[in-house]
Amino acid sequence: MASKIVSSLVRLALLAFLFVFVFYPDKLHLEIKYPYAGLLDNLWVRVAKTFLLLLILLELLRMFYYGIIKNPKSNKLVANLSTLAIMVVWVLALLEIVFMYVPQSHEGALSKASQIWFNKYWPPMTTQGYRDKPKTDTTGKIKILFIGDSFTAGHGLKNVEERFSDQVAQKIGTDKAVAYNLGISGSDTRDEFKRLQKFPAKPNIVVLQYFLNDVAGAAQEGKLTLSELQPYNDIKTPVLGSLVMRFYFPNFIYWQFPHTPPASIVDFVKKSYTDTTILNPHLRDLKQFINYAKTNNAKLYVVMIPFLQNLDNSNAYTKPIEDFFKQNNVPMVRVSAFIGQIPAKERIVGKNDGHASASVNTLIANKLYDLIKNDK
């Protein structure tokens, strides 16, 4: 019996090293690399973690069996405490395993659940990093470039066909039009224009999706930066912080509560759109899209997406942008104009993710298609 316990201890020592390797690789100065690490949580890495935890549980159960159950000399108090401990460890480990496979979209890819979501729903991706399929049969078709940020990419939507870009292409007819989705999460106006210039396909139609933080590039030049959320900084205990960062179950619980950045995006937006030293350069940035469309003999449309849960403030902030596009005769889809009757919670994809829901994407697609159809 003692030999069986000793053999379990040897195996546990080996498993402990593997545990540190997969859950604490930085402690060994290692890094587990795979494509899009940090955005996607690789399934096979999670499967390896699952089997490792199961092996550890089995060894602990084996030690409990031979050390407590099959040991007639075991102390009753020790036996009771060991029984309670093994039950707690098994419950926590099984919860950890379960939450390794629970996807949940968030504003970004900060949580483990959101990285699982990205791994499950975000692909396929092009070689340029866009959430889109490669386009092959494009000869003779209307080429529509949808350029924007996470709203264009369809953050929070499990099916890419729910995005307004894909729905517009379907309405026109996939035999007549091909839609290129150039949405990148976190992109601002300056980054979007650089990517538009680099994209090889020359468009017949350009759709610029605009969100209020698109002014970020011009704001940064004007010495105004948007404070980013620093995750886990609000956890004051280092040991607890390490557990929350590394393990799926506590990480899931942590992200069910709001964690706001030091300065809100509302304050950033208010300052950006009322400071002419930021606004005027930003308008010059937007002018480049108009010039690009003219150079390529393409039609430009703009989709103005507000704070989906605060429409009134959005309209006040973006009025200079809307006036600019009106003065330049650029057709716009003002999302705030037609989603006011939709309950706020139905406008977004989930309680932890404020991106546009599938129903809002459908409304955007309908309005945009009507503009395109009427321009023919």
Foldseek 3Di string as FASTA:
>chain_A
DVVLLVVLVVVLVVLVVVVCCLQVVVVVVDDDDDPPPLQADDPVSLVVVLVSLVSNLVSLVSNLCVVAVVDPPDDPVVNVVSVVVSVVSVVVSVLLSVLCQAADFFAGRQFSNPNNLCNQQQDDADPVGASDDDDDPCPQAAEEEEFEECLLSVRLDRDSCLFLQNVLCVVVPVVHHDYDRHYHHPAALLNRVVVVVPDDDQGQEYEYEDELCNLQVLVVVVVQHDFDFDPLPPPPDPVLSSCLNRTRNNVVVVLVDDGAGPDHVLVSLVVQQVDCSSNVVVLVSVVVVVVSCVVSVHAYEYEYDYQLQDLVSRCVSCVVVVVSCVVVVHHYHDLSVPCPVPPSCQQASHPRHRHGDSVSSVVSSVVVSVVVVVVD
